[in-house]
C-alpha cells in the first residue's frame, strides 16, 4: 500500500505528536508499506523517502504555519494520513481533494492563559480557539473519510469531534517497548522514594500543583523527593515556587536528558505523576513510558488520559486538587509492595495494548477498509 503521512515538526522540541508519527511510520514500513512522510524542515532524514517543507512559525510550539503545501496536489497515494493540530497539512490535502484521507486528531486547541511571564488576554485566547475551530478544524473534519482518536472519552467531550463520532475510530498511541528494554538491561538501578515528572515545563502541565503537593507528602514520607525532567518556559516560575516553599533540598530539576538517563529516571522512581489539567493533554505517552519501566502512575482525571489508568496500575485525582494528589502519592510510595504490584500491572498493559506493532495493525485495517 502506498501511504503518505503528513505532520508538522517544529524544532527544537520533539513532543508527543512528532514521536507518534515517527514510530507509526516505522511500524507501517515494517509491514511492507510504501510510505513517505511530508513534514516541515527536520535536522536529519530519519524517515524513508522524506519530503521536507520549510516551516515558518508564529507563537512557537503552539501555531507553526507551513507554506508551500500546494505541491500536495501533484502527489499520489492509496492513503493520505494527516495529523491535526496544527491543521495546515490536513487542510492542504482536503483542498487538493485527495481521497481517501485519514486524520489523526491529537487534541483540541486550547490557548493557555500565560506563556512564561507573558499573559494572554482571555478574550484573545477564546477568539483564537473559536477561529481555529470554525475556519480550520471543522472544515477538515467534515471533509476527511475517517478520524483516528486516541481515546473514546476525549472524542465524546470534544467541542469539535462530538458531532462526528460516526467517523471516529479509537486507536491509542503506542510505545516501542524493545527500546526501553534494551536500555534497562544496561542499568543497575534501585527504586527510591522518588516522585517523577517528565515533560515540557509549560503551564497546562500542572507542575506547580505537583510541587505544592510535596509538603504534605514529605510530612508522611520524609525521605521522598520530587524529580522534574524537561525544559520549558515555566522553569523560572517553578524554581521560584520551590524556593518559596523551602523545598530546594527536595526538588531536583534535571532539564533535558538523553534516552538512557530518561529510562534511569523512570526506573528509580516509585511513582510517575502527570498533573495536566487542560485538553491539550489528550493521552499522555509519558504514562506508557513509565509503565514500560514498571513504574506506577498517577494522572489527572481528564478525558483521554483517564483511559490509560486502571485500579491495578495507578491512581486518578481530580485535576488541580493538590490535597488529593498528595494523598495519591502517599498511598503508593509508602507501600513498596504496591509499587511493585502496580508496576507489573502497568507493564502487562503496555505489552498487550500499546505496542506499536499492535497499533500499526489496527491502522492498517482502517486503511484497508477505506
Protein backbone atom coordinates (compact mmCIF):
# COMPACT_ATOMS: atom_id res chain seq x y z
CA UNK A 1 0.00 0.00 0.00
CA UNK A 2 1.31 3.45 -0.90
CA UNK A 3 0.84 5.84 2.03
CA UNK A 4 1.63 9.50 2.59
CA UNK A 5 1.84 10.63 6.24
CA UNK A 6 1.69 14.39 6.80
CA UNK A 7 2.55 16.16 10.03
CA UNK A 8 4.48 19.14 11.34
CA UNK A 9 7.86 19.02 13.01
CA UNK A 10 8.98 22.14 14.76
CA UNK A 11 12.42 22.12 16.34
CA UNK A 12 13.98 22.19 18.85
CA UNK A 13 11.29 20.37 20.81
CA UNK A 14 10.18 16.83 19.92
CA UNK A 15 6.81 16.20 21.50
CA UNK A 16 4.17 13.51 21.54
CA UNK A 17 2.82 14.11 18.03
CA UNK A 18 6.28 14.01 16.42
CA UNK A 19 7.15 10.76 18.20
CA UNK A 20 3.76 9.31 17.30
CA UNK A 21 4.30 9.95 13.59
CA UNK A 22 7.88 8.64 13.65
CA UNK A 23 7.04 5.40 15.47
CA UNK A 24 3.87 4.75 13.44
CA UNK A 25 5.90 5.31 10.25
CA UNK A 26 8.49 2.74 11.30
CA UNK A 27 5.81 0.20 12.26
CA UNK A 28 3.92 0.64 8.96
CA UNK A 29 7.15 0.27 6.96
CA UNK A 30 7.83 -3.00 8.81
CA UNK A 31 4.52 -4.18 7.33
CA UNK A 32 5.96 -3.66 3.79
CA UNK A 33 4.08 -0.46 3.01
CA UNK A 34 5.48 2.10 0.55
CA UNK A 35 5.40 5.10 2.85
CA UNK A 36 6.52 8.71 2.52
CA UNK A 37 6.40 11.45 5.14
CA UNK A 38 5.51 15.08 4.42
CA UNK A 39 6.78 17.29 7.20
CA UNK A 40 8.33 20.64 7.97
CA UNK A 41 12.09 21.03 8.00
CA UNK A 42 13.89 18.36 10.03
CA UNK A 43 17.58 18.24 11.03
CA UNK A 44 18.13 14.70 9.79
CA UNK A 45 16.24 12.45 7.42
CA UNK A 46 15.06 9.74 9.79
CA UNK A 47 12.20 8.67 7.55
CA UNK A 48 12.04 6.61 4.39
CA UNK A 49 11.82 8.95 1.37
CA UNK A 50 11.09 12.05 3.44
CA UNK A 51 9.77 15.12 1.62
CA UNK A 52 10.50 18.31 3.53
CA UNK A 53 8.67 21.62 3.71
CA UNK A 54 10.27 24.61 5.39
CA UNK A 55 8.31 25.61 8.49
CA UNK A 56 7.55 29.21 9.36
CA UNK A 57 6.47 29.55 13.00
CA UNK A 58 4.46 32.15 14.85
CA UNK A 59 3.60 31.64 18.53
CA UNK A 60 6.29 28.91 18.82
CA UNK A 61 5.23 25.44 19.98
CA UNK A 62 1.54 26.25 19.50
CA UNK A 63 0.87 27.52 15.94
CA UNK A 64 3.57 26.65 13.38
CA UNK A 65 2.45 27.95 9.99
CA UNK A 66 3.58 25.91 6.97
CA UNK A 67 3.97 27.32 3.48
CA UNK A 68 4.38 25.64 0.07
CA UNK A 69 1.76 22.95 0.57
CA UNK A 70 0.22 23.42 -2.88
CA UNK A 71 2.68 20.73 -4.04
CA UNK A 72 0.40 18.14 -2.44
CA UNK A 73 -1.96 18.29 -5.43
CA UNK A 74 0.73 16.64 -7.57
CA UNK A 75 1.23 13.70 -5.18
CA UNK A 76 -0.40 10.31 -5.48
CA UNK A 77 -1.04 7.58 -2.90
CA UNK A 78 -3.57 4.94 -1.87
CA UNK A 79 -3.99 6.64 1.51
CA UNK A 80 -3.32 10.17 2.74
CA UNK A 81 -2.96 10.33 6.52
CA UNK A 82 -2.55 13.71 8.21
CA UNK A 83 -2.16 14.70 11.85
CA UNK A 84 -4.07 17.59 13.38
CA UNK A 85 -3.44 20.03 15.01
CA UNK A 86 -1.85 22.04 13.56
CA UNK A 87 -4.29 21.74 10.66
CA UNK A 88 -2.29 23.00 7.70
CA UNK A 89 -1.33 19.65 6.13
CA UNK A 90 -4.87 18.35 6.71
CA UNK A 91 -6.38 21.41 5.04
CA UNK A 92 -3.99 21.21 2.07
CA UNK A 93 -4.92 17.56 1.49
CA UNK A 94 -8.63 18.42 1.66
CA UNK A 95 -8.16 21.37 -0.71
CA UNK A 96 -6.35 19.11 -3.21
CA UNK A 97 -9.31 16.69 -2.91
CA UNK A 98 -7.07 13.76 -2.05
CA UNK A 99 -9.02 10.62 -1.14
CA UNK A 100 -9.04 8.50 0.95
CA UNK A 101 -7.93 10.84 3.73
CA UNK A 102 -7.48 9.79 7.36
CA UNK A 103 -6.92 12.38 10.09
CA UNK A 104 -5.46 11.56 13.48
CA UNK A 105 -6.98 14.19 15.75
CA UNK A 106 -4.49 14.55 18.57
CA UNK A 107 -6.08 17.24 20.74
CA UNK A 108 -8.33 20.30 20.85
CA UNK A 109 -6.58 23.64 20.61
CA UNK A 110 -6.66 25.40 23.98
CA UNK A 111 -4.79 28.68 24.37
CA UNK A 112 -3.16 28.90 27.82
CA UNK A 113 -3.68 31.96 29.98
CA UNK A 114 0.05 32.50 30.19
CA UNK A 115 3.19 31.52 28.27
CA UNK A 116 6.11 32.02 30.62
CA UNK A 117 5.65 35.51 32.04
CA UNK A 118 3.60 36.70 29.04
CA UNK A 119 -0.08 36.85 29.87
CA UNK A 120 -2.52 36.05 27.07
CA UNK A 121 -5.80 38.00 27.31
CA UNK A 122 -8.78 35.70 27.86
CA UNK A 123 -10.80 37.22 25.02
CA UNK A 124 -7.89 36.83 22.61
CA UNK A 125 -7.45 33.18 23.58
CA UNK A 126 -11.15 32.45 23.21
CA UNK A 127 -11.24 34.18 19.82
CA UNK A 128 -8.25 32.16 18.59
CA UNK A 129 -9.85 28.89 19.74
CA UNK A 130 -13.17 29.76 18.06
CA UNK A 131 -11.48 30.91 14.85
CA UNK A 132 -9.41 27.72 14.69
CA UNK A 133 -12.48 25.54 15.22
CA UNK A 134 -14.69 27.27 12.63
CA UNK A 135 -12.17 28.01 9.89
CA UNK A 136 -9.82 25.02 10.13
CA UNK A 137 -10.77 22.07 12.31
CA UNK A 138 -14.46 21.72 11.43
CA UNK A 139 -13.79 22.03 7.70
CA UNK A 140 -11.09 19.37 7.55
CA UNK A 141 -13.03 17.02 9.86
CA UNK A 142 -16.11 17.33 7.66
CA UNK A 143 -14.12 16.56 4.51
CA UNK A 144 -11.97 13.62 5.65
CA UNK A 145 -13.02 9.97 5.35
CA UNK A 146 -12.06 8.74 8.82
CA UNK A 147 -10.84 10.17 12.12
CA UNK A 148 -8.46 8.38 14.45
CA UNK A 149 -8.86 9.40 18.10
CA UNK A 150 -6.68 8.09 20.90
CA UNK A 151 -9.49 7.90 23.45
CA UNK A 152 -13.27 7.50 23.37
CA UNK A 153 -13.88 9.85 26.28
CA UNK A 154 -11.82 12.58 24.62
CA UNK A 155 -13.83 12.37 21.38
CA UNK A 156 -17.16 12.38 23.21
CA UNK A 157 -16.28 15.52 25.18
CA UNK A 158 -14.56 17.42 22.35
CA UNK A 159 -16.40 20.58 21.19
CA UNK A 160 -15.40 19.62 17.64
CA UNK A 161 -15.41 15.81 17.47
CA UNK A 162 -18.71 15.12 19.24
CA UNK A 163 -20.56 15.96 16.01
CA UNK A 164 -18.55 13.36 14.04
CA UNK A 165 -18.47 10.33 16.34
CA UNK A 166 -19.64 8.06 13.50
CA UNK A 167 -16.36 8.83 11.71
CA UNK A 168 -14.19 8.25 14.77
CA UNK A 169 -12.06 5.14 15.28
CA UNK A 170 -10.37 4.70 18.67
CA UNK A 171 -6.73 3.69 18.17
CA UNK A 172 -4.43 4.62 21.06
CA UNK A 173 -0.88 5.93 21.00
CA UNK A 174 1.87 3.36 21.27
CA UNK A 175 5.36 2.74 22.60
CA UNK A 176 8.47 0.93 21.41
CA UNK A 177 8.88 -1.42 24.37
CA UNK A 178 12.02 -3.04 22.96
CA UNK A 179 13.86 0.29 23.05
CA UNK A 180 13.14 0.67 26.76
CA UNK A 181 14.08 -2.93 27.49
CA UNK A 182 17.43 -2.51 25.74
CA UNK A 183 18.22 0.50 27.94
CA UNK A 184 17.01 -1.21 31.11
CA UNK A 185 19.37 -4.14 30.56
CA UNK A 186 22.35 -1.76 30.81
CA UNK A 187 21.17 -0.23 34.10
CA UNK A 188 21.53 -1.30 37.70
CA UNK A 189 19.06 0.96 39.49
CA UNK A 190 17.13 0.54 42.72
CA UNK A 191 13.75 2.11 43.44
CA UNK A 192 13.76 5.13 45.73
CA UNK A 193 11.00 7.26 47.21
CA UNK A 194 11.16 9.45 44.11
CA UNK A 195 8.13 11.18 42.60
CA UNK A 196 8.83 11.79 38.90
CA UNK A 197 7.52 14.21 36.28
CA UNK A 198 8.66 14.13 32.63
CA UNK A 199 7.54 16.66 30.02
CA UNK A 200 7.72 20.23 28.79
CA UNK A 201 7.64 22.76 31.59
CA UNK A 202 4.55 24.68 30.50
CA UNK A 203 1.54 25.96 32.40
CA UNK A 204 -1.09 23.39 31.23
CA UNK A 205 1.04 20.52 32.57
CA UNK A 206 0.12 21.48 36.15
CA UNK A 207 3.64 21.03 37.52
CA UNK A 208 3.04 23.80 40.05
CA UNK A 209 0.26 21.64 41.58
CA UNK A 210 2.71 18.76 41.92
CA UNK A 211 5.24 20.98 43.67
CA UNK A 212 2.55 22.32 46.03
CA UNK A 213 1.61 18.73 46.92
CA UNK A 214 5.12 17.90 48.14
CA UNK A 215 4.95 19.48 51.66
CA UNK A 216 2.04 17.16 52.55
CA UNK A 217 3.87 14.19 51.00
CA UNK A 218 7.04 14.96 52.96
CA UNK A 219 5.09 15.16 56.20
CA UNK A 220 4.12 11.48 55.79
CA UNK A 221 7.16 10.26 53.83
CA UNK A 222 10.13 12.45 54.87
CA UNK A 223 12.58 10.67 52.58
CA UNK A 224 10.51 11.44 49.45
CA UNK A 225 11.94 13.59 46.64
CA UNK A 226 10.48 15.17 43.50
CA UNK A 227 12.45 14.90 40.26
CA UNK A 228 11.40 17.04 37.27
CA UNK A 229 12.76 16.11 33.83
CA UNK A 230 12.29 18.55 30.96
CA UNK A 231 12.68 22.16 29.89
CA UNK A 232 10.26 24.94 29.08
CA UNK A 233 9.00 28.45 29.55
CA UNK A 234 7.71 27.84 33.10
CA UNK A 235 11.03 26.73 34.58
CA UNK A 236 11.89 30.08 36.16
CA UNK A 237 8.47 30.33 37.83
CA UNK A 238 8.68 26.74 39.08
CA UNK A 239 12.15 27.25 40.55
CA UNK A 240 10.83 30.33 42.36
CA UNK A 241 7.87 28.34 43.70
CA UNK A 242 10.24 25.67 45.04
CA UNK A 243 12.27 28.37 46.77
CA UNK A 244 9.16 29.98 48.30
CA UNK A 245 8.10 26.61 49.73
CA UNK A 246 11.64 25.92 51.04
CA UNK A 247 11.84 22.71 49.01
CA UNK A 248 15.27 23.26 47.44
CA UNK A 249 16.63 20.05 49.01
CA UNK A 250 13.60 18.02 47.97
CA UNK A 251 13.02 19.06 44.34
CA UNK A 252 15.54 18.41 41.57
CA UNK A 253 15.31 19.93 38.08
CA UNK A 254 17.23 17.66 35.70
CA UNK A 255 16.43 19.54 32.50
CA UNK A 256 16.69 17.72 29.19
CA UNK A 257 18.21 14.24 29.49
CA UNK A 258 19.28 11.67 26.91
CA UNK A 259 17.25 8.50 26.48
CA UNK A 260 19.29 6.22 28.73
CA UNK A 261 19.16 8.80 31.54
CA UNK A 262 15.41 9.14 30.96
CA UNK A 263 14.92 5.41 31.40
CA UNK A 264 17.07 5.54 34.53
CA UNK A 265 14.79 8.29 35.90
CA UNK A 266 11.71 6.13 35.32
CA UNK A 267 13.33 3.05 36.87
CA UNK A 268 14.48 4.75 40.08
CA UNK A 269 11.11 6.43 40.74
CA UNK A 270 8.39 4.86 42.87
CA UNK A 271 5.66 6.77 41.07
CA UNK A 272 5.25 8.90 37.95
CA UNK A 273 2.80 11.84 38.00
CA UNK A 274 1.09 13.59 35.08
CA UNK A 275 -0.88 16.52 36.59
CA UNK A 276 -2.03 18.14 33.31
CA UNK A 277 -5.40 19.88 33.53
CA UNK A 278 -6.38 21.06 30.02
CA UNK A 279 -7.49 19.41 26.79
CA UNK A 280 -4.03 19.97 25.33
CA UNK A 281 -3.26 16.68 27.11
CA UNK A 282 -5.39 14.05 25.46
CA UNK A 283 -3.41 10.87 26.13
CA UNK A 284 -0.04 11.10 27.89
CA UNK A 285 2.57 8.94 26.15
CA UNK A 286 4.82 9.51 29.17
CA UNK A 287 2.39 7.33 31.12
CA UNK A 288 3.18 4.45 28.75
CA UNK A 289 6.91 5.10 29.11
CA UNK A 290 6.62 4.89 32.89
CA UNK A 291 4.57 1.70 32.68
CA UNK A 292 7.08 0.13 30.28
CA UNK A 293 9.65 0.69 33.05
CA UNK A 294 7.33 -0.92 35.64
CA UNK A 295 6.66 2.36 37.42
CA UNK A 296 3.16 3.07 38.88
CA UNK A 297 1.39 6.15 37.50
CA UNK A 298 -0.84 8.94 38.82
CA UNK A 299 -2.71 11.29 36.48
CA UNK A 300 -5.42 13.93 36.47
CA UNK A 301 -8.88 12.53 35.83
CA UNK A 302 -9.34 14.24 32.45
CA UNK A 303 -10.78 12.88 29.16
CA UNK A 304 -8.44 10.63 27.22
CA UNK A 305 -5.78 10.44 29.90
CA UNK A 306 -8.09 8.58 32.29
CA UNK A 307 -8.39 5.68 29.84
CA UNK A 308 -4.74 4.68 30.45
CA UNK A 309 -5.20 4.28 34.21
CA UNK A 310 -6.77 1.23 35.82
CA UNK A 311 -7.20 0.41 39.50
CA UNK A 312 -4.29 -2.02 39.09
CA UNK A 313 -1.60 0.22 37.53
CA UNK A 314 -2.19 3.63 39.13
CA UNK A 315 -4.49 6.28 40.53
CA UNK A 316 -6.52 9.23 39.24
CA UNK A 317 -7.12 12.50 41.08
CA UNK A 318 -9.40 15.48 40.34
CA UNK A 319 -7.48 18.00 38.22
CA UNK A 320 -5.88 20.83 40.24
CA UNK A 321 -6.80 19.15 43.55
CA UNK A 322 -3.46 19.41 45.39
CA UNK A 323 -4.68 17.59 48.52
CA UNK A 324 -6.00 14.58 46.58
CA UNK A 325 -2.80 14.49 44.55
CA UNK A 326 -0.71 14.40 47.73
CA UNK A 327 -2.89 11.60 49.14
CA UNK A 328 -2.47 9.58 45.93
CA UNK A 329 1.31 9.94 46.01
CA UNK A 330 1.48 8.92 49.68
CA UNK A 331 -0.78 5.90 49.06
CA UNK A 332 1.65 4.50 46.51
CA UNK A 333 5.17 5.44 47.63
CA UNK A 334 4.59 4.44 51.26
CA UNK A 335 3.89 0.83 50.23
CA UNK A 336 6.77 -0.97 48.49
CA UNK A 337 4.65 -3.99 47.62
CA UNK A 338 2.04 -1.76 46.00
CA UNK A 339 4.77 -0.06 43.93
CA UNK A 340 5.91 -3.45 42.66
CA UNK A 341 2.39 -4.80 42.05
CA UNK A 342 1.17 -1.69 40.19
CA UNK A 343 4.39 -1.54 38.18
CA UNK A 344 3.94 -5.10 36.93
CA UNK A 345 0.28 -4.43 36.03
CA UNK A 346 1.28 -1.37 34.01
CA UNK A 347 3.97 -3.30 32.17
CA UNK A 348 1.47 -6.03 31.24
CA UNK A 349 -0.96 -3.40 29.95
CA UNK A 350 1.53 -1.74 27.58
CA UNK A 351 2.62 -5.12 26.22
CA UNK A 352 -0.96 -6.14 25.43
CA UNK A 353 -2.44 -2.85 24.23
CA UNK A 354 0.16 -0.21 23.40
CA UNK A 355 2.95 -1.89 21.44
CA UNK A 356 3.48 -0.08 18.11
CA UNK A 357 3.11 -3.31 16.13
CA UNK A 358 -0.37 -3.75 17.64
CA UNK A 359 -1.22 -0.13 16.80
CA UNK A 360 0.07 -0.44 13.22
CA UNK A 361 -2.14 -3.48 12.66
CA UNK A 362 -5.22 -1.51 13.73
CA UNK A 363 -4.27 1.44 11.49
CA UNK A 364 -3.64 -0.90 8.54
CA UNK A 365 -7.10 -2.43 8.94
CA UNK A 366 -8.61 1.06 8.85
CA UNK A 367 -6.65 1.88 5.68
CA UNK A 368 -7.83 -1.34 4.00
CA UNK A 369 -11.44 -0.58 4.89
CA UNK A 370 -11.16 2.72 3.00
